[in-house]
């Protein structure tokens, strides 16, 4: 019984970690894309003001 409970706990822990890791990857990708957009907007603003 003890082995079953330990196995169940490990399976739940691993599945939770994989979902969390996917969420972290997606959040990081979204943040990188947002940052690229903001940098691009800033560069275009500076370019327009210096021309």
PDB file of N, CA and C in Angstrom:
ATOM      1  N   UNK A   1       0.836  -1.195   0.000  1.00  0.00           N
ATOM      2  CA  UNK A   1       0.000   0.000   0.000  1.00  0.00           C
ATOM      3  C   UNK A   1       0.874   1.249   0.000  1.00  0.00           C
ATOM      4  N   UNK A   2       1.940   1.202   0.785  1.00  0.00           N
ATOM      5  CA  UNK A   2       2.831   2.347   0.875  1.00  0.00           C
ATOM      6  C   UNK A   2       3.482   2.641  -0.481  1.00  0.00           C
ATOM      7  N   UNK A   3       3.858   1.587  -1.204  1.00  0.00           N
ATOM      8  CA  UNK A   3       4.475   1.754  -2.520  1.00  0.00           C
ATOM      9  C   UNK A   3       3.472   2.369  -3.499  1.00  0.00           C
ATOM     10  N   UNK A   4       2.214   1.947  -3.405  1.00  0.00           N
ATOM     11  CA  UNK A   4       1.175   2.487  -4.283  1.00  0.00           C
ATOM     12  C   UNK A   4       0.984   3.982  -4.045  1.00  0.00           C
ATOM     13  N   UNK A   5       0.927   4.388  -2.806  1.00  0.00           N
ATOM     14  CA  UNK A   5       0.749   5.801  -2.469  1.00  0.00           C
ATOM     15  C   UNK A   5       1.956   6.607  -2.948  1.00  0.00           C
ATOM     16  N   UNK A   6       3.145   6.087  -2.746  1.00  0.00           N
ATOM     17  CA  UNK A   6       4.352   6.785  -3.210  1.00  0.00           C
ATOM     18  C   UNK A   6       4.359   6.917  -4.728  1.00  0.00           C
ATOM     19  N   UNK A   7       3.996   5.863  -5.419  1.00  0.00           N
ATOM     20  CA  UNK A   7       3.938   5.892  -6.881  1.00  0.00           C
ATOM     21  C   UNK A   7       2.901   6.904  -7.361  1.00  0.00           C
ATOM     22  N   UNK A   8       1.753   6.911  -6.744  1.00  0.00           N
ATOM     23  CA  UNK A   8       0.700   7.852  -7.105  1.00  0.00           C
ATOM     24  C   UNK A   8       1.161   9.294  -6.886  1.00  0.00           C
ATOM     25  N   UNK A   9       1.797   9.539  -5.761  1.00  0.00           N
ATOM     26  CA  UNK A   9       2.308  10.871  -5.458  1.00  0.00           C
ATOM     27  C   UNK A   9       3.344  11.308  -6.493  1.00  0.00           C
ATOM     28  N   UNK A  10       4.248  10.430  -6.843  1.00  0.00           N
ATOM     29  CA  UNK A  10       5.289  10.761  -7.830  1.00  0.00           C
ATOM     30  C   UNK A  10       4.663  11.053  -9.187  1.00  0.00           C
ATOM     31  N   UNK A  11       3.686  10.271  -9.590  1.00  0.00           N
ATOM     32  CA  UNK A  11       3.017  10.516 -10.870  1.00  0.00           C
ATOM     33  C   UNK A  11       2.307  11.865 -10.888  1.00  0.00           C
ATOM     34  N   UNK A  12       1.631  12.201  -9.821  1.00  0.00           N
ATOM     35  CA  UNK A  12       0.959  13.496  -9.748  1.00  0.00           C
ATOM     36  C   UNK A  12       1.967  14.642  -9.752  1.00  0.00           C
ATOM     37  N   UNK A  13       3.058  14.468  -9.053  1.00  0.00           N
ATOM     38  CA  UNK A  13       4.103  15.490  -8.990  1.00  0.00           C
ATOM     39  C   UNK A  13       4.726  15.716 -10.363  1.00  0.00           C
ATOM     40  N   UNK A  14       5.034  14.647 -11.067  1.00  0.00           N
ATOM     41  CA  UNK A  14       5.663  14.756 -12.386  1.00  0.00           C
ATOM     42  C   UNK A  14       4.710  15.408 -13.384  1.00  0.00           C
ATOM     43  N   UNK A  15       3.458  15.027 -13.355  1.00  0.00           N
ATOM     44  CA  UNK A  15       2.507  15.621 -14.305  1.00  0.00           C
ATOM     45  C   UNK A  15       2.296  17.100 -13.998  1.00  0.00           C
ATOM     46  N   UNK A  16       2.303  17.474 -12.752  1.00  0.00           N
ATOM     47  CA  UNK A  16       2.168  18.883 -12.382  1.00  0.00           C
ATOM     48  C   UNK A  16       3.382  19.682 -12.813  1.00  0.00           C
ATOM     49  N   UNK A  17       4.553  19.104 -12.672  1.00  0.00           N
ATOM     50  CA  UNK A  17       5.779  19.799 -13.067  1.00  0.00           C
ATOM     51  C   UNK A  17       5.839  19.998 -14.575  1.00  0.00           C
ATOM     52  N   UNK A  18       5.393  19.022 -15.342  1.00  0.00           N
ATOM     53  CA  UNK A  18       5.447  19.170 -16.794  1.00  0.00           C
ATOM     54  C   UNK A  18       4.486  20.259 -17.255  1.00  0.00           C
ATOM     55  N   UNK A  19       3.335  20.356 -16.613  1.00  0.00           N
ATOM     56  CA  UNK A  19       2.394  21.409 -16.971  1.00  0.00           C
ATOM     57  C   UNK A  19       2.958  22.778 -16.600  1.00  0.00           C
ATOM     58  N   UNK A  20       3.611  22.850 -15.464  1.00  0.00           N
ATOM     59  CA  UNK A  20       4.217  24.107 -15.040  1.00  0.00           C
ATOM     60  C   UNK A  20       5.332  24.500 -15.993  1.00  0.00           C
ATOM     61  N   UNK A  21       6.147  23.533 -16.392  1.00  0.00           N
ATOM     62  CA  UNK A  21       7.254  23.824 -17.303  1.00  0.00           C
ATOM     63  C   UNK A  21       6.720  24.329 -18.645  1.00  0.00           C
ATOM     64  N   UNK A  22       5.658  23.751 -19.149  1.00  0.00           N
ATOM     65  CA  UNK A  22       5.058  24.222 -20.405  1.00  0.00           C
ATOM     66  C   UNK A  22       4.565  25.650 -20.251  1.00  0.00           C
ATOM     67  N   UNK A  23       3.980  25.951 -19.116  1.00  0.00           N
ATOM     68  CA  UNK A  23       3.512  27.311 -18.858  1.00  0.00           C
ATOM     69  C   UNK A  23       4.660  28.297 -18.790  1.00  0.00           C
ATOM     70  N   UNK A  24       5.755  27.909 -18.170  1.00  0.00           N
ATOM     71  CA  UNK A  24       6.931  28.777 -18.090  1.00  0.00           C
ATOM     72  C   UNK A  24       7.482  29.037 -19.489  1.00  0.00           C
ATOM     73  N   UNK A  25       7.570  28.002 -20.301  1.00  0.00           N
ATOM     74  CA  UNK A  25       8.072  28.170 -21.664  1.00  0.00           C
ATOM     75  C   UNK A  25       7.171  29.109 -22.460  1.00  0.00           C
ATOM     76  N   UNK A  26       5.868  28.949 -22.346  1.00  0.00           N
ATOM     77  CA  UNK A  26       4.937  29.807 -23.085  1.00  0.00           C
ATOM     78  C   UNK A  26       5.029  31.247 -22.608  1.00  0.00           C
ATOM     79  N   UNK A  27       5.102  31.462 -21.296  1.00  0.00           N
ATOM     80  CA  UNK A  27       5.228  32.812 -20.754  1.00  0.00           C
ATOM     81  C   UNK A  27       6.519  33.473 -21.216  1.00  0.00           C
ATOM     82  N   UNK A  28       7.605  32.709 -21.247  1.00  0.00           N
ATOM     83  CA  UNK A  28       8.882  33.251 -21.695  1.00  0.00           C
ATOM     84  C   UNK A  28       8.819  33.632 -23.166  1.00  0.00           C
ATOM     85  N   UNK A  29       8.220  32.783 -23.975  1.00  0.00           N
ATOM     86  CA  UNK A  29       8.075  33.088 -25.401  1.00  0.00           C
ATOM     87  C   UNK A  29       7.248  34.353 -25.604  1.00  0.00           C
ATOM     88  N   UNK A  30       6.160  34.475 -24.871  1.00  0.00           N
ATOM     89  CA  UNK A  30       5.316  35.673 -24.975  1.00  0.00           C
ATOM     90  C   UNK A  30       6.078  36.920 -24.542  1.00  0.00           C
ATOM     91  N   UNK A  31       6.855  36.817 -23.478  1.00  0.00           N
ATOM     92  CA  UNK A  31       7.614  37.961 -22.987  1.00  0.00           C
ATOM     93  C   UNK A  31       8.687  38.384 -23.983  1.00  0.00           C
ATOM     94  N   UNK A  32       9.337  37.428 -24.607  1.00  0.00           N
ATOM     95  CA  UNK A  32      10.365  37.742 -25.606  1.00  0.00           C
ATOM     96  C   UNK A  32       9.733  38.454 -26.800  1.00  0.00           C
ATOM     97  N   UNK A  33       8.608  37.957 -27.262  1.00  0.00           N
ATOM     98  CA  UNK A  33       7.936  38.589 -28.402  1.00  0.00           C
ATOM     99  C   UNK A  33       7.479  40.004 -28.055  1.00  0.00           C
ATOM    100  N   UNK A  34       6.952  40.211 -26.862  1.00  0.00           N
ATOM    101  CA  UNK A  34       6.508  41.534 -26.440  1.00  0.00           C
ATOM    102  C   UNK A  34       7.698  42.490 -26.361  1.00  0.00           C
ATOM    103  N   UNK A  35       8.807  42.006 -25.805  1.00  0.00           N
ATOM    104  CA  UNK A  35      10.002  42.835 -25.676  1.00  0.00           C
ATOM    105  C   UNK A  35      10.545  43.224 -27.037  1.00  0.00           C
ATOM    106  N   UNK A  36      10.566  42.284 -27.967  1.00  0.00           N
ATOM    107  CA  UNK A  36      11.033  42.588 -29.328  1.00  0.00           C
ATOM    108  C   UNK A  36      10.167  43.682 -29.950  1.00  0.00           C
ATOM    109  N   UNK A  37       8.864  43.578 -29.755  1.00  0.00           N
ATOM    110  CA  UNK A  37       7.958  44.586 -30.298  1.00  0.00           C
ATOM    111  C   UNK A  37       8.205  45.957 -29.694  1.00  0.00           C
ATOM    112  N   UNK A  38       8.412  46.009 -28.391  1.00  0.00           N
ATOM    113  CA  UNK A  38       8.654  47.289 -27.723  1.00  0.00           C
ATOM    114  C   UNK A  38       9.973  47.905 -28.170  1.00  0.00           C
ATOM    115  N   UNK A  39      11.012  47.095 -28.308  1.00  0.00           N
ATOM    116  CA  UNK A  39      12.307  47.595 -28.769  1.00  0.00           C
ATOM    117  C   UNK A  39      12.182  48.108 -30.193  1.00  0.00           C
ATOM    118  N   UNK A  40      11.457  47.380 -31.024  1.00  0.00           N
ATOM    119  CA  UNK A  40      11.264  47.796 -32.413  1.00  0.00           C
ATOM    120  C   UNK A  40      10.506  49.123 -32.478  1.00  0.00           C
ATOM    121  N   UNK A  41       9.483  49.274 -31.663  1.00  0.00           N
ATOM    122  CA  UNK A  41       8.737  50.533 -31.632  1.00  0.00           C
ATOM    123  C   UNK A  41       9.630  51.686 -31.188  1.00  0.00           C
ATOM    124  N   UNK A  42      10.439  51.454 -30.177  1.00  0.00           N
ATOM    125  CA  UNK A  42      11.349  52.489 -29.691  1.00  0.00           C
ATOM    126  C   UNK A  42      12.369  52.876 -30.740  1.00  0.00           C
ATOM    127  N   UNK A  43      12.903  51.887 -31.437  1.00  0.00           N
ATOM    128  CA  UNK A  43      13.882  52.174 -32.485  1.00  0.00           C
ATOM    129  C   UNK A  43      13.247  52.961 -33.618  1.00  0.00           C
ATOM    130  N   UNK A  44      12.026  52.613 -33.996  1.00  0.00           N
ATOM    131  CA  UNK A  44      11.332  53.359 -35.048  1.00  0.00           C
ATOM    132  C   UNK A  44      11.034  54.789 -34.615  1.00  0.00           C
ATOM    133  N   UNK A  45      10.676  54.972 -33.363  1.00  0.00           N
ATOM    134  CA  UNK A  45      10.404  56.319 -32.830  1.00  0.00           C
ATOM    135  C   UNK A  45      11.663  57.179 -32.909  1.00  0.00           C
ATOM    136  N   UNK A  46      12.783  56.615 -32.468  1.00  0.00           N
ATOM    137  CA  UNK A  46      14.053  57.358 -32.500  1.00  0.00           C
ATOM    138  C   UNK A  46      14.440  57.661 -33.941  1.00  0.00           C
ATOM    139  N   UNK A  47      14.254  56.693 -34.811  1.00  0.00           N
ATOM    140  CA  UNK A  47      14.587  56.894 -36.234  1.00  0.00           C
ATOM    141  C   UNK A  47      13.741  58.028 -36.822  1.00  0.00           C
ATOM    142  N   UNK A  48      12.450  58.042 -36.528  1.00  0.00           N
ATOM    143  CA  UNK A  48      11.578  59.101 -37.038  1.00  0.00           C
ATOM    144  C   UNK A  48      11.973  60.465 -36.490  1.00  0.00           C
ATOM    145  N   UNK A  49      12.371  60.546 -35.238  1.00  0.00           N
ATOM    146  CA  UNK A  49      12.725  61.820 -34.616  1.00  0.00           C
ATOM    147  C   UNK A  49      14.087  62.339 -35.088  1.00  0.00           C
ATOM    148  N   UNK A  50      14.971  61.451 -35.522  1.00  0.00           N
ATOM    149  CA  UNK A  50      16.296  61.886 -35.947  1.00  0.00           C
ATOM    150  C   UNK A  50      16.376  62.158 -37.432  1.00  0.00           C
ATOM    151  N   UNK A  51      15.349  61.823 -38.176  1.00  0.00           N
ATOM    152  CA  UNK A  51      15.384  62.105 -39.620  1.00  0.00           C
ATOM    153  C   UNK A  51      14.833  63.469 -39.928  1.00  0.00           C
TER     154      UNK A  51
END
